[in-house]
Amino acid sequence: MGYIFWDKSISKTDPSYEYKRWKTAKGAILFSATLLGLSPILKTLTKDTSSDTIWAVTVILFLANMLFHDYGSENRTNIR
């Protein structure tokens, strides 16, 4: 519901928003199709991995992201 409200409010103020909406929809469809296509492969790859290992890797990667990501960027004009 939040996305629909945001979409309606932006489309009234920005005339070039139709093109941006199409780009966003195309990206979402591509991402969903990729996940649906890879899910059987990922399921078989993780079949023999215990849930403890998955949790440990998740925590380690999360901590690595928290430690090494640049959250204090001074130049916010060129962020993509």
C-alpha atoms as a PDB file:
ATOM      1  CA  MET A   1       0.000   0.000   0.000  1.00  0.00           C
ATOM      2  CA  GLY A   2       2.900   2.335   0.751  1.00  0.00           C
ATOM      3  CA  TYR A   3       4.390   1.838  -2.701  1.00  0.00           C
ATOM      4  CA  ILE A   4       1.066   2.566  -4.380  1.00  0.00           C
ATOM      5  CA  PHE A   5       0.642   5.779  -2.363  1.00  0.00           C
ATOM      6  CA  TRP A   6       4.220   6.848  -3.152  1.00  0.00           C
ATOM      7  CA  ASP A   7       3.768   5.988  -6.828  1.00  0.00           C
ATOM      8  CA  LYS A   8       0.585   8.067  -7.130  1.00  0.00           C
ATOM      9  CA  SER A   9       2.119  11.068  -5.366  1.00  0.00           C
ATOM     10  CA  ILE A  10       5.265  11.023  -7.536  1.00  0.00           C
ATOM     11  CA  SER A  11       3.411  10.518 -10.822  1.00  0.00           C
ATOM     12  CA  LYS A  12       1.457  13.738 -10.249  1.00  0.00           C
ATOM     13  CA  THR A  13       4.576  15.854  -9.693  1.00  0.00           C
ATOM     14  CA  ASP A  14       7.074  14.339 -12.169  1.00  0.00           C
ATOM     15  CA  PRO A  15       6.029  14.081 -15.845  1.00  0.00           C
ATOM     16  CA  SER A  16       8.997  11.838 -16.747  1.00  0.00           C
ATOM     17  CA  TYR A  17       8.013   9.310 -14.095  1.00  0.00           C
ATOM     18  CA  GLU A  18       6.342   6.916 -16.552  1.00  0.00           C
ATOM     19  CA  TYR A  19       9.735   5.985 -17.978  1.00  0.00           C
ATOM     20  CA  LYS A  20      11.171   5.490 -14.474  1.00  0.00           C
ATOM     21  CA  ARG A  21       8.187   3.327 -13.537  1.00  0.00           C
ATOM     22  CA  TRP A  22       8.775   1.138 -16.599  1.00  0.00           C
ATOM     23  CA  LYS A  23      12.484   0.754 -15.716  1.00  0.00           C
ATOM     24  CA  THR A  24      11.609  -0.214 -12.149  1.00  0.00           C
ATOM     25  CA  ALA A  25       9.004  -2.747 -13.265  1.00  0.00           C
ATOM     26  CA  LYS A  26      11.398  -4.264 -15.798  1.00  0.00           C
ATOM     27  CA  GLY A  27      14.082  -4.642 -13.123  1.00  0.00           C
ATOM     28  CA  ALA A  28      11.631  -6.225 -10.675  1.00  0.00           C
ATOM     29  CA  ILE A  29      10.427  -8.714 -13.299  1.00  0.00           C
ATOM     30  CA  LEU A  30      13.993  -9.642 -14.243  1.00  0.00           C
ATOM     31  CA  PHE A  31      14.968 -10.088 -10.587  1.00  0.00           C
ATOM     32  CA  SER A  32      11.904 -12.262  -9.876  1.00  0.00           C
ATOM     33  CA  ALA A  33      12.463 -14.400 -12.972  1.00  0.00           C
ATOM     34  CA  THR A  34      16.118 -14.917 -12.037  1.00  0.00           C
ATOM     35  CA  LEU A  35      15.188 -16.011  -8.520  1.00  0.00           C
ATOM     36  CA  LEU A  36      12.507 -18.358  -9.802  1.00  0.00           C
ATOM     37  CA  GLY A  37      14.917 -19.840 -12.328  1.00  0.00           C
ATOM     38  CA  LEU A  38      17.741 -20.331  -9.839  1.00  0.00           C
ATOM     39  CA  SER A  39      15.692 -21.585  -6.890  1.00  0.00           C
ATOM     40  CA  PRO A  40      15.841 -25.302  -7.859  1.00  0.00           C
ATOM     41  CA  ILE A  41      19.610 -25.063  -8.286  1.00  0.00           C
ATOM     42  CA  LEU A  42      20.069 -23.258  -4.996  1.00  0.00           C
ATOM     43  CA  LYS A  43      17.827 -25.758  -3.233  1.00  0.00           C
ATOM     44  CA  THR A  44      19.969 -28.685  -4.350  1.00  0.00           C
ATOM     45  CA  LEU A  45      23.204 -26.852  -3.512  1.00  0.00           C
ATOM     46  CA  THR A  46      22.108 -26.161   0.054  1.00  0.00           C
ATOM     47  CA  LYS A  47      20.410 -29.519   0.644  1.00  0.00           C
ATOM     48  CA  ASP A  48      23.386 -31.042   2.461  1.00  0.00           C
ATOM     49  CA  THR A  49      24.277 -27.880   4.381  1.00  0.00           C
ATOM     50  CA  SER A  50      23.060 -27.804   7.954  1.00  0.00           C
ATOM     51  CA  SER A  51      21.018 -24.883   9.211  1.00  0.00           C
ATOM     52  CA  ASP A  52      23.718 -24.074  11.796  1.00  0.00           C
ATOM     53  CA  THR A  53      26.220 -23.465   9.000  1.00  0.00           C
ATOM     54  CA  ILE A  54      23.785 -21.227   7.143  1.00  0.00           C
ATOM     55  CA  TRP A  55      23.165 -19.163  10.288  1.00  0.00           C
ATOM     56  CA  ALA A  56      26.897 -18.872  10.990  1.00  0.00           C
ATOM     57  CA  VAL A  57      27.681 -17.715   7.448  1.00  0.00           C
ATOM     58  CA  THR A  58      24.790 -15.243   7.593  1.00  0.00           C
ATOM     59  CA  VAL A  59      26.040 -13.698  10.832  1.00  0.00           C
ATOM     60  CA  ILE A  60      29.639 -13.512   9.581  1.00  0.00           C
ATOM     61  CA  LEU A  61      28.628 -11.835   6.314  1.00  0.00           C
ATOM     62  CA  PHE A  62      26.334  -9.416   8.153  1.00  0.00           C
ATOM     63  CA  LEU A  63      29.128  -8.407  10.531  1.00  0.00           C
ATOM     64  CA  ALA A  64      31.550  -8.016   7.621  1.00  0.00           C
ATOM     65  CA  ASN A  65      29.048  -5.742   5.897  1.00  0.00           C
ATOM     66  CA  MET A  66      28.592  -3.669   9.056  1.00  0.00           C
ATOM     67  CA  LEU A  67      32.359  -3.322   9.548  1.00  0.00           C
ATOM     68  CA  PHE A  68      33.515  -2.601   6.004  1.00  0.00           C
ATOM     69  CA  HIS A  69      30.676  -0.618   4.417  1.00  0.00           C
ATOM     70  CA  ASP A  70      31.241   3.132   4.075  1.00  0.00           C
ATOM     71  CA  TYR A  71      28.226   4.549   5.911  1.00  0.00           C
ATOM     72  CA  GLY A  72      29.758   8.013   6.365  1.00  0.00           C
ATOM     73  CA  SER A  73      30.002   9.166   2.764  1.00  0.00           C
ATOM     74  CA  GLU A  74      30.587  12.903   2.578  1.00  0.00           C
ATOM     75  CA  ASN A  75      29.720  13.260  -1.124  1.00  0.00           C
ATOM     76  CA  ARG A  76      26.027  12.475  -1.410  1.00  0.00           C
ATOM     77  CA  THR A  77      25.434  14.102  -4.802  1.00  0.00           C
ATOM     78  CA  ASN A  78      26.805  11.236  -6.932  1.00  0.00           C
ATOM     79  CA  ILE A  79      25.154   8.289  -5.186  1.00  0.00           C
ATOM     80  CA  ARG A  80      23.463   5.853  -7.560  1.00  0.00           C
END
